[in-house]
N, C-alpha and C. Protein backbone atom coordinates (compact mmCIF):
# COMPACT_ATOMS: atom_id res chain seq x y z
N MET A 1 0.82 -1.18 0.16
CA MET A 1 -0.14 0.02 -0.09
C MET A 1 0.95 1.17 0.10
N LYS A 2 1.96 1.11 1.08
CA LYS A 2 2.80 2.34 0.72
C LYS A 2 3.47 2.68 -0.47
N GLU A 3 3.78 1.46 -1.22
CA GLU A 3 4.33 1.33 -2.40
C GLU A 3 3.67 2.40 -3.42
N LYS A 4 2.23 1.60 -3.49
CA LYS A 4 1.30 2.69 -4.27
C LYS A 4 1.41 4.09 -3.98
N THR A 5 1.20 4.39 -2.70
CA THR A 5 1.17 5.60 -2.59
C THR A 5 2.30 6.84 -3.19
N LEU A 6 3.61 6.09 -2.61
CA LEU A 6 4.76 6.72 -3.42
C LEU A 6 4.71 6.71 -4.97
N VAL A 7 4.13 5.88 -5.46
CA VAL A 7 4.13 6.08 -6.93
C VAL A 7 3.39 7.06 -7.27
N LYS A 8 2.08 7.12 -6.58
CA LYS A 8 0.93 8.57 -7.03
C LYS A 8 2.07 9.57 -6.58
N GLY A 9 2.80 10.02 -5.36
CA GLY A 9 3.09 11.04 -5.23
C GLY A 9 4.59 11.24 -5.98
N ILE A 10 4.96 10.50 -6.43
CA ILE A 10 5.94 10.55 -7.60
C ILE A 10 5.19 11.05 -8.60
N ASN A 11 4.62 10.42 -9.58
CA ASN A 11 3.54 10.61 -10.56
C ASN A 11 3.06 12.36 -10.46
N ILE A 12 2.65 12.38 -9.35
CA ILE A 12 2.23 14.10 -9.28
C ILE A 12 3.57 14.73 -9.24
N GLY A 13 4.67 14.50 -8.73
CA GLY A 13 5.50 15.41 -8.77
C GLY A 13 5.93 15.62 -10.22
N LYS A 14 6.15 14.39 -10.85
CA LYS A 14 6.48 14.59 -12.31
C LYS A 14 5.84 15.20 -13.00
N SER A 15 4.27 15.14 -12.96
CA SER A 15 3.13 16.01 -13.43
C SER A 15 3.38 17.50 -13.42
N LEU A 16 3.73 17.95 -11.94
CA LEU A 16 3.94 19.31 -11.78
C LEU A 16 5.09 19.60 -12.49
N VAL A 17 6.10 19.09 -12.40
CA VAL A 17 7.46 19.60 -13.20
C VAL A 17 6.95 19.76 -14.42
N LEU A 18 6.43 18.75 -15.13
CA LEU A 18 5.95 18.84 -16.65
C LEU A 18 5.32 20.16 -16.65
N SER A 19 4.42 20.25 -16.10
CA SER A 19 3.40 21.73 -16.11
C SER A 19 4.30 22.86 -16.08
N PHE A 20 5.42 22.92 -15.04
CA PHE A 20 6.08 23.96 -15.11
C PHE A 20 7.17 24.43 -16.10
N THR A 21 7.47 23.29 -16.39
CA THR A 21 8.16 23.55 -17.56
C THR A 21 7.74 23.99 -18.59
N ILE A 22 6.53 23.54 -19.22
CA ILE A 22 5.74 23.92 -20.02
C ILE A 22 5.32 25.29 -19.75
N THR A 23 5.22 25.87 -18.49
CA THR A 23 4.90 26.99 -18.22
C THR A 23 6.11 28.10 -18.76
N LEU A 24 7.43 27.37 -18.25
CA LEU A 24 8.39 28.40 -18.54
C LEU A 24 8.91 28.67 -20.01
N VAL A 25 8.70 27.83 -20.55
CA VAL A 25 8.80 27.66 -21.71
C VAL A 25 7.90 28.55 -22.72
N LEU A 26 6.54 28.64 -22.47
CA LEU A 26 5.78 29.45 -22.76
C LEU A 26 5.70 30.68 -22.69
N ILE A 27 6.20 31.22 -21.46
CA ILE A 27 6.47 32.52 -20.94
C ILE A 27 7.89 32.87 -21.62
N LEU A 28 8.85 32.19 -21.81
CA LEU A 28 9.98 32.63 -22.58
C LEU A 28 9.83 33.28 -24.08
N ILE A 29 8.98 31.95 -24.44
CA ILE A 29 8.05 32.54 -25.96
C ILE A 29 7.33 33.66 -26.03
N ILE A 30 6.59 34.09 -25.09
CA ILE A 30 5.62 35.38 -24.87
C ILE A 30 6.67 36.71 -24.80
N SER A 31 7.75 36.44 -23.81
CA SER A 31 8.85 37.33 -23.25
C SER A 31 9.33 37.90 -24.85
N LEU A 32 9.54 36.82 -25.46
CA LEU A 32 10.30 37.50 -26.95
C LEU A 32 9.26 37.83 -27.89
N LEU A 33 8.00 37.48 -28.03
CA LEU A 33 7.01 38.18 -28.76
C LEU A 33 7.02 39.31 -28.16
N LEU A 34 6.54 39.60 -26.77
CA LEU A 34 6.40 41.17 -26.42
C LEU A 34 7.64 41.96 -26.92
N THR A 35 9.10 41.42 -26.68
CA THR A 35 10.27 42.40 -27.03
C THR A 35 10.11 42.60 -28.66
N TYR A 36 9.99 41.73 -29.37
CA TYR A 36 10.11 41.83 -30.72
C TYR A 36 9.06 41.81 -31.75
N THR A 37 7.89 41.77 -31.16
CA THR A 37 6.68 42.13 -32.27
C THR A 37 6.25 43.41 -31.40
N SER A 38 4.75 43.50 -32.32
CA SER A 38 4.06 44.81 -31.52
C SER A 38 2.79 44.32 -30.58
N LEU A 39 3.22 42.89 -29.85
CA LEU A 39 1.97 42.73 -29.20
C LEU A 39 2.11 43.39 -27.91
N LYS A 40 0.88 43.82 -27.34
CA LYS A 40 0.99 44.66 -26.31
C LYS A 40 0.82 44.34 -24.91
N GLU A 41 1.24 45.04 -24.11
CA GLU A 41 1.46 44.37 -22.61
C GLU A 41 0.08 44.15 -21.93
N SER A 42 -0.99 45.04 -22.57
CA SER A 42 -2.13 44.83 -21.87
C SER A 42 -2.83 43.22 -22.22
N LYS A 43 -2.16 42.32 -23.09
CA LYS A 43 -2.80 41.12 -23.15
C LYS A 43 -2.04 40.01 -22.36
N ILE A 44 -1.09 40.51 -21.49
CA ILE A 44 -0.26 39.75 -20.34
C ILE A 44 -1.09 38.81 -19.77
N PRO A 45 -1.91 39.76 -18.80
CA PRO A 45 -3.22 38.70 -18.16
C PRO A 45 -3.50 37.67 -18.83
N LEU A 46 -4.59 37.92 -20.02
CA LEU A 46 -5.00 36.76 -20.84
C LEU A 46 -4.06 35.94 -21.18
N LEU A 47 -3.06 36.19 -21.57
CA LEU A 47 -1.76 35.33 -21.75
C LEU A 47 -1.41 34.05 -20.68
N ASN A 48 -1.20 35.06 -19.84
CA ASN A 48 -0.83 34.20 -18.44
C ASN A 48 -1.82 33.23 -18.11
N THR A 49 -3.16 33.49 -18.25
CA THR A 49 -4.33 32.31 -17.92
C THR A 49 -4.14 31.20 -19.30
N VAL A 50 -3.87 31.96 -20.55
CA VAL A 50 -3.97 30.87 -21.40
C VAL A 50 -2.58 29.77 -21.21
N ILE A 51 -1.57 30.10 -20.79
CA ILE A 51 -0.48 29.27 -20.54
C ILE A 51 -0.66 28.61 -19.43
N MET A 52 -1.46 29.17 -18.36
CA MET A 52 -1.64 28.21 -16.90
C MET A 52 -2.69 27.17 -17.39
N ILE A 53 -3.56 27.27 -18.41
CA ILE A 53 -4.54 26.32 -19.07
C ILE A 53 -3.75 25.23 -19.70
N ILE A 54 -2.76 25.62 -20.81
CA ILE A 54 -2.13 24.63 -21.28
C ILE A 54 -1.22 23.71 -20.67
N SER A 55 -0.63 24.37 -19.47
CA SER A 55 0.21 23.63 -18.68
C SER A 55 -0.43 22.79 -17.63
N ILE A 56 -1.54 23.05 -17.27
CA ILE A 56 -2.15 22.19 -16.32
C ILE A 56 -2.72 20.96 -16.97
N THR A 57 -3.21 21.32 -18.67
CA THR A 57 -3.91 20.35 -19.27
C THR A 57 -2.89 19.34 -19.18
N PHE A 58 -1.83 19.49 -19.90
CA PHE A 58 -0.70 18.59 -20.12
C PHE A 58 -0.25 17.71 -18.79
N GLY A 59 0.11 18.33 -17.84
CA GLY A 59 0.55 17.62 -16.70
C GLY A 59 -0.71 16.86 -16.27
N SER A 60 -2.01 17.23 -16.50
CA SER A 60 -3.29 16.47 -15.79
C SER A 60 -3.07 15.20 -17.00
N MET A 61 -3.01 15.38 -17.89
CA MET A 61 -3.04 14.50 -19.01
C MET A 61 -2.03 13.31 -18.87
N TYR A 62 -0.61 13.60 -18.42
CA TYR A 62 0.49 13.16 -18.05
C TYR A 62 0.18 11.95 -16.79
N MET A 63 -0.52 12.74 -15.92
CA MET A 63 -0.80 12.11 -14.57
C MET A 63 -1.82 10.96 -14.85
N ALA A 64 -2.91 11.45 -15.65
CA ALA A 64 -3.90 10.21 -15.92
C ALA A 64 -3.31 9.23 -16.64
N ILE A 65 -2.65 9.35 -17.53
CA ILE A 65 -1.99 8.36 -18.42
C ILE A 65 -1.12 7.51 -17.72
N LYS A 66 -0.31 7.93 -16.73
CA LYS A 66 0.50 7.25 -15.84
C LYS A 66 -0.72 6.25 -14.78
N MET A 67 -1.46 6.81 -14.00
CA MET A 67 -2.40 6.38 -13.02
C MET A 67 -3.41 5.33 -13.70
N GLU A 68 -3.84 5.79 -14.70
CA GLU A 68 -4.75 4.63 -15.66
C GLU A 68 -5.96 4.49 -14.78
N GLU A 69 -6.32 5.48 -14.13
CA GLU A 69 -7.49 5.18 -13.43
C GLU A 69 -7.88 6.65 -12.58
N ASN A 70 -8.98 6.99 -12.15
CA ASN A 70 -9.47 8.08 -11.59
C ASN A 70 -9.00 9.48 -12.41
N GLY A 71 -8.82 9.52 -13.72
CA GLY A 71 -8.17 10.69 -14.33
C GLY A 71 -8.88 11.96 -13.61
N TRP A 72 -10.02 12.12 -13.84
CA TRP A 72 -10.51 13.40 -13.12
C TRP A 72 -9.85 14.05 -11.76
N LEU A 73 -9.94 13.10 -11.07
CA LEU A 73 -9.45 12.98 -9.63
C LEU A 73 -7.84 13.41 -9.42
N TYR A 74 -7.06 12.77 -10.04
CA TYR A 74 -5.71 13.09 -10.32
C TYR A 74 -5.40 14.46 -10.99
N GLY A 75 -6.06 14.39 -12.03
CA GLY A 75 -6.05 15.70 -12.70
C GLY A 75 -6.45 17.05 -11.76
N GLY A 76 -7.28 16.66 -11.11
CA GLY A 76 -8.11 17.92 -10.24
C GLY A 76 -7.01 18.17 -9.25
N ILE A 77 -6.22 17.12 -8.74
CA ILE A 77 -4.96 17.24 -7.96
C ILE A 77 -4.15 18.09 -8.46
N VAL A 78 -3.82 17.71 -9.71
CA VAL A 78 -2.29 18.37 -10.37
C VAL A 78 -2.92 19.91 -10.78
N GLY A 79 -4.14 20.16 -11.00
CA GLY A 79 -4.44 21.53 -11.31
C GLY A 79 -4.52 22.35 -10.11
N ALA A 80 -4.95 21.77 -8.74
CA ALA A 80 -5.17 22.32 -7.50
C ALA A 80 -3.73 22.76 -7.09
N LEU A 81 -2.93 21.83 -6.94
CA LEU A 81 -1.62 21.98 -6.82
C LEU A 81 -0.68 23.19 -7.35
N TYR A 82 -0.78 22.89 -8.84
CA TYR A 82 -0.03 23.87 -9.48
C TYR A 82 -0.57 25.02 -9.18
N PHE A 83 -1.67 25.63 -8.91
CA PHE A 83 -2.33 26.79 -8.48
C PHE A 83 -1.42 26.97 -7.36
N VAL A 84 -1.63 26.25 -6.22
CA VAL A 84 -1.10 26.67 -4.94
C VAL A 84 0.67 26.73 -5.03
N LEU A 85 1.13 26.21 -5.91
CA LEU A 85 2.63 26.43 -5.90
C LEU A 85 2.77 27.72 -6.70
N LEU A 86 2.03 28.08 -7.39
CA LEU A 86 2.00 29.36 -7.93
C LEU A 86 2.06 30.55 -7.21
N VAL A 87 0.87 30.16 -6.27
CA VAL A 87 0.95 31.32 -5.48
C VAL A 87 1.79 31.48 -4.61
N LEU A 88 2.59 30.03 -3.97
CA LEU A 88 3.36 30.44 -3.10
C LEU A 88 4.58 30.80 -3.93
N LEU A 89 4.93 30.58 -4.90
CA LEU A 89 6.23 31.34 -5.62
C LEU A 89 5.87 32.94 -5.63
N ASN A 90 4.78 33.06 -6.15
CA ASN A 90 4.41 34.50 -6.03
C ASN A 90 4.84 35.39 -4.76
N TYR A 91 3.98 34.69 -3.86
CA TYR A 91 4.17 35.19 -2.69
C TYR A 91 5.81 35.36 -2.12
N PHE A 92 6.51 34.47 -2.44
CA PHE A 92 7.89 34.39 -1.98
C PHE A 92 8.89 35.35 -2.68
N PHE A 93 8.56 35.47 -4.18
CA PHE A 93 9.11 36.41 -5.01
C PHE A 93 8.87 37.67 -5.43
N ILE A 94 7.39 37.96 -5.37
CA ILE A 94 6.93 39.36 -5.73
C ILE A 94 6.12 39.80 -4.98
N LYS A 95 5.00 39.43 -4.49
CA LYS A 95 3.93 40.07 -3.66
C LYS A 95 3.31 39.43 -2.36
N PRO A 96 2.74 39.62 -1.83
CA PRO A 96 1.73 39.04 -0.77
C PRO A 96 0.51 38.46 -1.47
N PHE A 97 0.02 37.34 -1.06
CA PHE A 97 -1.33 36.86 -2.07
C PHE A 97 -2.76 37.75 -1.07
N VAL A 98 -3.24 38.11 -2.45
CA VAL A 98 -4.49 38.66 -2.02
C VAL A 98 -5.38 37.77 -2.34
N PHE A 99 -6.61 37.31 -1.22
CA PHE A 99 -7.61 36.36 -1.31
C PHE A 99 -8.86 36.99 -2.12
N ASP A 100 -9.23 37.00 -3.39
CA ASP A 100 -10.42 38.10 -3.91
C ASP A 100 -11.16 37.06 -4.78
N ILE A 101 -11.82 37.62 -5.39
CA ILE A 101 -12.72 36.79 -6.71
C ILE A 101 -11.95 36.53 -7.74
N TYR A 102 -10.88 37.28 -8.20
CA TYR A 102 -10.01 37.10 -9.23
C TYR A 102 -9.01 35.77 -8.88
N SER A 103 -8.55 35.71 -7.77
CA SER A 103 -7.81 34.52 -7.15
C SER A 103 -8.73 33.23 -7.02
N LEU A 104 -10.00 33.46 -6.40
CA LEU A 104 -10.98 32.19 -6.31
C LEU A 104 -11.10 31.88 -7.88
N SER A 105 -11.36 32.30 -8.82
CA SER A 105 -11.71 32.09 -10.32
C SER A 105 -10.69 31.70 -10.96
N LYS A 106 -9.47 32.09 -10.82
CA LYS A 106 -8.15 31.27 -11.12
C LYS A 106 -7.83 29.90 -10.60
N PHE A 107 -8.46 29.71 -9.38
CA PHE A 107 -8.23 28.53 -8.72
C PHE A 107 -9.05 27.57 -9.31
N PHE A 108 -10.60 28.07 -9.38
CA PHE A 108 -11.39 26.98 -10.04
C PHE A 108 -10.98 27.04 -11.80
N VAL A 109 -10.40 27.89 -12.34
CA VAL A 109 -10.09 27.39 -13.86
C VAL A 109 -8.92 26.09 -13.81
N ALA A 110 -8.05 26.34 -12.59
CA ALA A 110 -7.08 25.65 -12.52
C ALA A 110 -7.56 24.18 -12.25
N LEU A 111 -8.54 24.08 -11.20
CA LEU A 111 -9.12 22.68 -11.01
C LEU A 111 -9.85 22.22 -12.06
N VAL A 112 -10.74 23.29 -12.67
CA VAL A 112 -11.46 22.62 -14.08
C VAL A 112 -10.76 22.04 -14.96
N THR A 113 -9.57 22.82 -15.27
CA THR A 113 -8.92 22.51 -16.35
C THR A 113 -7.93 21.15 -15.90
N GLY A 114 -7.52 20.95 -14.75
CA GLY A 114 -6.87 19.72 -14.23
C GLY A 114 -7.85 18.52 -14.55
N ILE A 115 -9.26 18.82 -14.24
CA ILE A 115 -10.16 17.67 -14.51
C ILE A 115 -10.46 17.21 -15.94
N ILE A 116 -10.36 18.00 -16.47
CA ILE A 116 -10.76 17.88 -17.75
C ILE A 116 -9.37 17.13 -18.54
N GLY A 117 -8.25 17.75 -18.19
CA GLY A 117 -7.22 17.14 -18.94
C GLY A 117 -6.94 15.75 -18.11
N GLY A 118 -7.19 15.50 -16.87
CA GLY A 118 -6.98 14.13 -16.34
C GLY A 118 -8.13 13.10 -17.29
N VAL A 119 -9.33 13.77 -17.28
CA VAL A 119 -10.44 12.94 -18.27
C VAL A 119 -9.59 12.63 -19.90
N ILE A 120 -9.07 13.83 -20.64
CA ILE A 120 -8.82 13.50 -21.74
C ILE A 120 -7.38 12.62 -21.59
N GLY A 121 -6.84 12.47 -20.60
CA GLY A 121 -5.45 11.73 -20.73
C GLY A 121 -6.19 10.05 -20.43
N ILE A 122 -7.20 9.69 -19.78
CA ILE A 122 -7.68 8.56 -19.35
C ILE A 122 -8.27 8.32 -20.80
N ASN A 123 -9.14 9.13 -21.47
CA ASN A 123 -9.59 8.62 -22.88
C ASN A 123 -8.53 8.49 -23.87
N ILE A 124 -7.17 8.77 -23.88
CA ILE A 124 -6.12 8.94 -24.85
C ILE A 124 -5.86 7.23 -24.77
N LYS A 125 -5.28 7.02 -23.28
CA LYS A 125 -5.02 5.55 -22.93
C LYS A 125 -5.64 4.56 -23.34
């Protein structure tokens, strides 16, 4: 039983690393586009949300494929943990966390995206 729990934890960790790697790559691409094209900075909040959705989807799909069951549950866990880690990183490096309707909506977007990614991952397998 402990071995199965350890495998789940490792797979969640790998899924989060994959999600944050995709996030980093996409943010670098957006930064280059902002620097060298006429892309306006007013689009950054929308692009951040799109990057979050893409990253969580792929991380949740990976998790569901590895676990082979309960994709919606594991996908939701990956989405929620991604958001929590993002908030912690934001708190440590940028500014204090403010709990408002915007933060709550971003959490639900992350959770629902994770659930959908997990369902997609199960159905791909």
